[in-house]
Amino acid sequence: LRHKEAVVSLIRLRHKEAAVGLIRLRHKEAAADLIRLRHKEAAVDLIRLRHKEAAVNLARLRHKEAAVDLTRLRHKEAAVDLTRVHRKEVAMRPQCQRRQSLQRTQRVAQMEFSSVKKHSSLLVSCLRVANC
């Protein structure tokens, strides 16, 4: 009788241990699955965030480049307008003065445009480096 009771008790104990072990294992697996899921979600969120940031940076860069291009265009137009005005003024002067003044105007306009071009390309380079 005692042996039977001992065997029954042992079986019960082992069933309890087995049940507890299984519960623990399942909790671990559930926890591991949850961690994996959260890591995936975090990774997806991070990817989305980086895509948004990249898009914003690209938009900013394009706006800056557009602004620089517009500045260049306006400087070119201003230089052309300046040259036209000077040519008109020069055309009203006597012949010998005209040639000298026109050459001087063209030199000044060319120098101004060169410095603007150099400054603009330097600005674009700096912006590209800053955004990378």
N, C-alpha and C. Protein backbone atom coordinates (compact mmCIF):
# COMPACT_ATOMS: atom_id res chain seq x y z
N LEU A 1 0.83 -1.21 0.00
CA LEU A 1 0.00 0.00 0.00
C LEU A 1 0.87 1.26 0.00
N ARG A 2 1.83 1.25 0.87
CA ARG A 2 2.70 2.44 0.94
C ARG A 2 3.47 2.64 -0.35
N HIS A 3 3.90 1.55 -0.94
CA HIS A 3 4.61 1.66 -2.22
C HIS A 3 3.69 2.26 -3.28
N LYS A 4 2.43 1.78 -3.30
CA LYS A 4 1.46 2.30 -4.25
C LYS A 4 1.24 3.80 -4.03
N GLU A 5 1.07 4.20 -2.76
CA GLU A 5 0.88 5.62 -2.42
C GLU A 5 2.09 6.45 -2.85
N ALA A 6 3.24 5.88 -2.58
CA ALA A 6 4.48 6.58 -2.96
C ALA A 6 4.55 6.76 -4.47
N VAL A 7 4.17 5.70 -5.20
CA VAL A 7 4.19 5.76 -6.67
C VAL A 7 3.19 6.80 -7.16
N VAL A 8 1.99 6.78 -6.58
CA VAL A 8 0.94 7.75 -6.97
C VAL A 8 1.41 9.17 -6.67
N SER A 9 1.99 9.37 -5.50
CA SER A 9 2.50 10.70 -5.12
C SER A 9 3.58 11.16 -6.10
N LEU A 10 4.47 10.24 -6.44
CA LEU A 10 5.55 10.56 -7.37
C LEU A 10 5.00 10.93 -8.74
N ILE A 11 4.00 10.15 -9.18
CA ILE A 11 3.36 10.45 -10.47
C ILE A 11 2.73 11.84 -10.44
N ARG A 12 1.99 12.09 -9.35
CA ARG A 12 1.35 13.42 -9.21
C ARG A 12 2.41 14.53 -9.22
N LEU A 13 3.47 14.34 -8.45
CA LEU A 13 4.55 15.32 -8.37
C LEU A 13 5.16 15.57 -9.75
N ARG A 14 5.42 14.44 -10.44
CA ARG A 14 6.02 14.58 -11.78
C ARG A 14 5.08 15.27 -12.76
N HIS A 15 3.77 14.96 -12.64
CA HIS A 15 2.78 15.64 -13.49
C HIS A 15 2.79 17.14 -13.22
N LYS A 16 2.84 17.49 -11.93
CA LYS A 16 2.90 18.91 -11.55
C LYS A 16 4.14 19.57 -12.13
N GLU A 17 5.29 18.90 -11.92
CA GLU A 17 6.55 19.44 -12.44
C GLU A 17 6.51 19.58 -13.96
N ALA A 18 5.95 18.53 -14.59
CA ALA A 18 5.85 18.56 -16.05
C ALA A 18 4.96 19.72 -16.49
N ALA A 19 3.82 19.87 -15.78
CA ALA A 19 2.89 20.95 -16.12
C ALA A 19 3.54 22.31 -15.91
N VAL A 20 4.22 22.47 -14.78
CA VAL A 20 4.92 23.73 -14.48
C VAL A 20 5.99 24.00 -15.53
N GLY A 21 6.75 22.94 -15.85
CA GLY A 21 7.80 23.09 -16.87
C GLY A 21 7.23 23.52 -18.21
N LEU A 22 6.10 22.91 -18.59
CA LEU A 22 5.46 23.24 -19.86
C LEU A 22 4.96 24.68 -19.85
N ILE A 23 4.35 25.07 -18.73
CA ILE A 23 3.86 26.46 -18.60
C ILE A 23 5.03 27.45 -18.73
N ARG A 24 6.12 27.14 -18.01
CA ARG A 24 7.31 28.01 -18.08
C ARG A 24 7.83 28.11 -19.51
N LEU A 25 7.93 26.94 -20.15
CA LEU A 25 8.43 26.90 -21.52
C LEU A 25 7.56 27.75 -22.44
N ARG A 26 6.24 27.58 -22.28
CA ARG A 26 5.32 28.36 -23.13
C ARG A 26 5.43 29.85 -22.86
N HIS A 27 5.58 30.21 -21.58
CA HIS A 27 5.77 31.62 -21.24
C HIS A 27 7.04 32.16 -21.90
N LYS A 28 8.12 31.38 -21.84
CA LYS A 28 9.39 31.79 -22.47
C LYS A 28 9.21 31.98 -23.97
N GLU A 29 8.53 30.99 -24.59
CA GLU A 29 8.31 31.07 -26.03
C GLU A 29 7.45 32.29 -26.39
N ALA A 30 6.40 32.48 -25.58
CA ALA A 30 5.51 33.63 -25.81
C ALA A 30 6.29 34.94 -25.67
N ALA A 31 7.13 34.99 -24.62
CA ALA A 31 7.95 36.19 -24.39
C ALA A 31 8.92 36.40 -25.55
N ALA A 32 9.55 35.30 -26.00
CA ALA A 32 10.49 35.39 -27.12
C ALA A 32 9.78 35.87 -28.39
N ASP A 33 8.58 35.32 -28.65
CA ASP A 33 7.80 35.74 -29.82
C ASP A 33 7.45 37.22 -29.74
N LEU A 34 7.05 37.65 -28.55
CA LEU A 34 6.68 39.05 -28.35
C LEU A 34 7.88 39.96 -28.58
N ILE A 35 9.03 39.54 -28.04
CA ILE A 35 10.27 40.32 -28.23
C ILE A 35 10.60 40.42 -29.72
N ARG A 36 10.51 39.28 -30.43
CA ARG A 36 10.78 39.28 -31.88
C ARG A 36 9.84 40.23 -32.61
N LEU A 37 8.55 40.12 -32.25
CA LEU A 37 7.54 40.96 -32.88
C LEU A 37 7.86 42.44 -32.65
N ARG A 38 8.19 42.76 -31.40
CA ARG A 38 8.50 44.17 -31.07
C ARG A 38 9.76 44.65 -31.79
N HIS A 39 10.74 43.75 -31.91
CA HIS A 39 11.96 44.11 -32.65
C HIS A 39 11.64 44.40 -34.10
N LYS A 40 10.78 43.53 -34.68
CA LYS A 40 10.38 43.74 -36.07
C LYS A 40 9.66 45.08 -36.24
N GLU A 41 8.70 45.33 -35.31
CA GLU A 41 7.94 46.59 -35.37
C GLU A 41 8.86 47.79 -35.20
N ALA A 42 9.80 47.68 -34.26
CA ALA A 42 10.75 48.77 -34.03
C ALA A 42 11.60 49.00 -35.27
N ALA A 43 12.03 47.89 -35.90
CA ALA A 43 12.85 47.99 -37.11
C ALA A 43 12.06 48.65 -38.24
N VAL A 44 10.80 48.24 -38.37
CA VAL A 44 9.94 48.82 -39.41
C VAL A 44 9.74 50.32 -39.15
N ASP A 45 9.47 50.68 -37.89
CA ASP A 45 9.30 52.09 -37.53
C ASP A 45 10.55 52.89 -37.84
N LEU A 46 11.70 52.31 -37.51
CA LEU A 46 12.98 52.99 -37.75
C LEU A 46 13.21 53.18 -39.24
N ILE A 47 12.90 52.13 -40.02
CA ILE A 47 13.06 52.23 -41.48
C ILE A 47 12.15 53.33 -42.02
N ARG A 48 10.88 53.34 -41.55
CA ARG A 48 9.93 54.38 -42.00
C ARG A 48 10.46 55.77 -41.66
N LEU A 49 10.93 55.91 -40.42
CA LEU A 49 11.46 57.20 -39.96
C LEU A 49 12.63 57.64 -40.82
N ARG A 50 13.55 56.69 -41.09
CA ARG A 50 14.72 57.03 -41.92
C ARG A 50 14.33 57.39 -43.35
N HIS A 51 13.30 56.68 -43.87
CA HIS A 51 12.81 57.03 -45.21
C HIS A 51 12.24 58.44 -45.22
N LYS A 52 11.48 58.76 -44.17
CA LYS A 52 10.91 60.12 -44.07
C LYS A 52 12.01 61.16 -43.99
N GLU A 53 13.02 60.89 -43.12
CA GLU A 53 14.13 61.83 -42.97
C GLU A 53 14.89 61.99 -44.28
N ALA A 54 15.11 60.87 -44.96
CA ALA A 54 15.82 60.91 -46.24
C ALA A 54 15.04 61.74 -47.25
N ALA A 55 13.71 61.55 -47.26
CA ALA A 55 12.85 62.30 -48.19
C ALA A 55 12.89 63.79 -47.86
N VAL A 56 12.84 64.10 -46.57
CA VAL A 56 12.89 65.51 -46.13
C VAL A 56 14.23 66.13 -46.52
N ASN A 57 15.33 65.39 -46.26
CA ASN A 57 16.66 65.90 -46.61
C ASN A 57 16.79 66.12 -48.11
N LEU A 58 16.25 65.18 -48.88
CA LEU A 58 16.31 65.30 -50.34
C LEU A 58 15.51 66.51 -50.80
N ALA A 59 14.34 66.69 -50.20
CA ALA A 59 13.49 67.84 -50.55
C ALA A 59 14.22 69.14 -50.22
N ARG A 60 14.86 69.16 -49.02
CA ARG A 60 15.61 70.37 -48.63
C ARG A 60 16.74 70.66 -49.61
N LEU A 61 17.48 69.58 -49.94
CA LEU A 61 18.61 69.73 -50.86
C LEU A 61 18.12 70.26 -52.20
N ARG A 62 17.01 69.68 -52.70
CA ARG A 62 16.47 70.13 -53.99
C ARG A 62 16.01 71.58 -53.94
N HIS A 63 15.40 71.97 -52.79
CA HIS A 63 14.98 73.37 -52.63
C HIS A 63 16.20 74.29 -52.64
N LYS A 64 17.26 73.86 -51.93
CA LYS A 64 18.48 74.66 -51.89
C LYS A 64 19.09 74.79 -53.27
N GLU A 65 19.16 73.63 -53.99
CA GLU A 65 19.72 73.65 -55.34
C GLU A 65 18.89 74.53 -56.26
N ALA A 66 17.56 74.44 -56.11
CA ALA A 66 16.67 75.26 -56.93
C ALA A 66 16.91 76.74 -56.63
N ALA A 67 17.10 77.05 -55.34
CA ALA A 67 17.36 78.44 -54.94
C ALA A 67 18.69 78.93 -55.53
N VAL A 68 19.69 78.05 -55.48
CA VAL A 68 21.00 78.40 -56.04
C VAL A 68 20.89 78.61 -57.55
N ASP A 69 20.18 77.69 -58.23
CA ASP A 69 19.99 77.82 -59.68
C ASP A 69 19.27 79.12 -60.02
N LEU A 70 18.24 79.44 -59.22
CA LEU A 70 17.49 80.66 -59.44
C LEU A 70 18.38 81.88 -59.23
N THR A 71 19.22 81.81 -58.20
CA THR A 71 20.16 82.91 -57.93
C THR A 71 21.11 83.09 -59.11
N ARG A 72 21.64 81.94 -59.60
CA ARG A 72 22.54 82.01 -60.76
C ARG A 72 21.84 82.66 -61.95
N LEU A 73 20.60 82.20 -62.20
CA LEU A 73 19.84 82.71 -63.33
C LEU A 73 19.63 84.21 -63.18
N ARG A 74 19.26 84.63 -61.98
CA ARG A 74 19.02 86.07 -61.74
C ARG A 74 20.30 86.89 -61.90
N HIS A 75 21.42 86.31 -61.44
CA HIS A 75 22.70 87.02 -61.61
C HIS A 75 23.04 87.15 -63.09
N LYS A 76 22.79 86.06 -63.86
CA LYS A 76 23.04 86.13 -65.31
C LYS A 76 22.18 87.21 -65.95
N GLU A 77 20.88 87.18 -65.58
CA GLU A 77 19.95 88.17 -66.14
C GLU A 77 20.37 89.59 -65.75
N ALA A 78 20.79 89.75 -64.49
CA ALA A 78 21.22 91.06 -64.01
C ALA A 78 22.46 91.52 -64.78
N ALA A 79 23.39 90.57 -65.01
CA ALA A 79 24.61 90.90 -65.75
C ALA A 79 24.27 91.31 -67.18
N VAL A 80 23.34 90.56 -67.79
CA VAL A 80 22.93 90.88 -69.17
C VAL A 80 22.25 92.24 -69.21
N ASP A 81 21.35 92.49 -68.25
CA ASP A 81 20.65 93.79 -68.19
C ASP A 81 21.63 94.93 -68.00
N LEU A 82 22.60 94.70 -67.11
CA LEU A 82 23.62 95.72 -66.83
C LEU A 82 24.41 96.03 -68.09
N THR A 83 24.78 94.96 -68.81
CA THR A 83 25.53 95.13 -70.06
C THR A 83 24.71 95.92 -71.07
N ARG A 84 23.42 95.58 -71.17
CA ARG A 84 22.54 96.30 -72.13
C ARG A 84 22.45 97.78 -71.79
N VAL A 85 22.24 98.07 -70.50
CA VAL A 85 22.12 99.47 -70.06
C VAL A 85 23.39 100.22 -70.38
N HIS A 86 24.54 99.61 -70.06
CA HIS A 86 25.82 100.27 -70.32
C HIS A 86 26.04 100.47 -71.81
N ARG A 87 25.62 99.47 -72.60
CA ARG A 87 25.78 99.62 -74.06
C ARG A 87 24.97 100.81 -74.57
N LYS A 88 23.74 100.94 -74.03
CA LYS A 88 22.89 102.07 -74.43
C LYS A 88 23.55 103.39 -74.06
N GLU A 89 24.06 103.43 -72.80
CA GLU A 89 24.72 104.66 -72.33
C GLU A 89 25.94 104.97 -73.19
N VAL A 90 26.69 103.91 -73.49
CA VAL A 90 27.92 104.07 -74.27
C VAL A 90 27.59 104.51 -75.69
N ALA A 91 26.49 103.98 -76.23
CA ALA A 91 26.09 104.31 -77.60
C ALA A 91 25.81 105.80 -77.75
N MET A 92 25.45 106.44 -76.64
CA MET A 92 25.15 107.87 -76.69
C MET A 92 26.41 108.73 -76.60
N ARG A 93 27.54 108.13 -76.27
CA ARG A 93 28.79 108.89 -76.12
C ARG A 93 29.55 108.99 -77.45
N PRO A 94 30.57 109.87 -77.48
CA PRO A 94 31.41 109.95 -78.70
C PRO A 94 32.11 108.61 -78.97
N GLN A 95 32.54 108.39 -80.22
CA GLN A 95 33.08 107.10 -80.70
C GLN A 95 34.24 106.55 -79.86
N CYS A 96 35.28 107.35 -79.57
CA CYS A 96 36.47 106.86 -78.88
C CYS A 96 36.15 106.42 -77.44
N GLN A 97 35.27 107.18 -76.77
CA GLN A 97 34.87 106.83 -75.40
C GLN A 97 34.04 105.56 -75.37
N ARG A 98 33.23 105.39 -76.43
CA ARG A 98 32.32 104.24 -76.49
C ARG A 98 33.07 102.92 -76.37
N ARG A 99 34.09 102.74 -77.18
CA ARG A 99 34.82 101.47 -77.22
C ARG A 99 35.42 101.13 -75.85
N GLN A 100 36.10 102.11 -75.26
CA GLN A 100 36.75 101.89 -73.95
C GLN A 100 35.71 101.53 -72.88
N SER A 101 34.63 102.27 -72.82
CA SER A 101 33.61 102.06 -71.80
C SER A 101 32.93 100.70 -71.97
N LEU A 102 32.68 100.32 -73.21
CA LEU A 102 32.04 99.03 -73.48
C LEU A 102 32.93 97.87 -73.05
N GLN A 103 34.22 97.98 -73.37
CA GLN A 103 35.17 96.93 -72.97
C GLN A 103 35.24 96.82 -71.44
N ARG A 104 35.27 97.97 -70.78
CA ARG A 104 35.34 98.00 -69.32
C ARG A 104 34.07 97.36 -68.71
N THR A 105 32.92 97.72 -69.27
CA THR A 105 31.64 97.16 -68.79
C THR A 105 31.62 95.64 -68.94
N GLN A 106 32.05 95.16 -70.10
CA GLN A 106 32.05 93.71 -70.34
C GLN A 106 32.99 92.99 -69.37
N ARG A 107 34.15 93.58 -69.10
CA ARG A 107 35.10 92.98 -68.16
C ARG A 107 34.50 92.90 -66.75
N VAL A 108 33.87 93.99 -66.30
CA VAL A 108 33.26 94.03 -64.96
C VAL A 108 32.15 92.99 -64.86
N ALA A 109 31.29 92.95 -65.88
CA ALA A 109 30.18 91.99 -65.87
C ALA A 109 30.70 90.56 -65.83
N GLN A 110 31.76 90.29 -66.62
CA GLN A 110 32.34 88.94 -66.66
C GLN A 110 32.92 88.55 -65.30
N MET A 111 33.63 89.50 -64.66
CA MET A 111 34.23 89.23 -63.35
C MET A 111 33.15 88.96 -62.30
N GLU A 112 32.09 89.77 -62.33
CA GLU A 112 31.00 89.59 -61.37
C GLU A 112 30.35 88.23 -61.55
N PHE A 113 30.10 87.87 -62.80
CA PHE A 113 29.44 86.59 -63.08
C PHE A 113 30.34 85.42 -62.67
N SER A 114 31.64 85.52 -62.90
CA SER A 114 32.58 84.45 -62.50
C SER A 114 32.56 84.25 -61.00
N SER A 115 32.58 85.34 -60.25
CA SER A 115 32.60 85.20 -58.79
C SER A 115 31.28 84.61 -58.28
N VAL A 116 30.18 84.98 -58.91
CA VAL A 116 28.87 84.42 -58.52
C VAL A 116 28.84 82.93 -58.80
N LYS A 117 29.36 82.54 -59.97
CA LYS A 117 29.38 81.12 -60.36
C LYS A 117 30.21 80.31 -59.36
N LYS A 118 31.38 80.84 -59.02
CA LYS A 118 32.28 80.16 -58.08
C LYS A 118 31.60 80.01 -56.72
N HIS A 119 30.99 81.10 -56.25
CA HIS A 119 30.31 81.10 -54.95
C HIS A 119 29.15 80.10 -54.94
N SER A 120 28.36 80.06 -56.01
CA SER A 120 27.21 79.15 -56.10
C SER A 120 27.63 77.70 -56.10
N SER A 121 28.67 77.36 -56.87
CA SER A 121 29.11 75.96 -56.92
C SER A 121 29.70 75.53 -55.58
N LEU A 122 30.37 76.44 -54.90
CA LEU A 122 30.90 76.15 -53.57
C LEU A 122 29.76 75.90 -52.59
N LEU A 123 28.71 76.70 -52.68
CA LEU A 123 27.54 76.55 -51.81
C LEU A 123 26.87 75.20 -52.04
N VAL A 124 26.70 74.81 -53.30
CA VAL A 124 26.08 73.51 -53.62
C VAL A 124 26.93 72.37 -53.06
N SER A 125 28.25 72.45 -53.21
CA SER A 125 29.15 71.41 -52.67
C SER A 125 28.99 71.29 -51.15
N CYS A 126 28.97 72.41 -50.48
CA CYS A 126 28.82 72.41 -49.01
C CYS A 126 27.49 71.78 -48.61
N LEU A 127 26.44 72.12 -49.33
CA LEU A 127 25.11 71.57 -49.02
C LEU A 127 25.10 70.07 -49.22
N ARG A 128 25.72 69.59 -50.29
CA ARG A 128 25.77 68.14 -50.55
C ARG A 128 26.50 67.43 -49.43
N VAL A 129 27.63 67.98 -49.01
CA VAL A 129 28.42 67.37 -47.93
C VAL A 129 27.60 67.36 -46.64
N ALA A 130 26.92 68.46 -46.36
CA ALA A 130 26.11 68.56 -45.13
C ALA A 130 24.98 67.55 -45.12
N ASN A 131 24.38 67.30 -46.27
CA ASN A 131 23.24 66.36 -46.33
C ASN A 131 23.66 64.92 -46.36
N CYS A 132 24.89 64.61 -46.78
CA CYS A 132 25.37 63.21 -46.77
C CYS A 132 25.74 62.83 -45.38
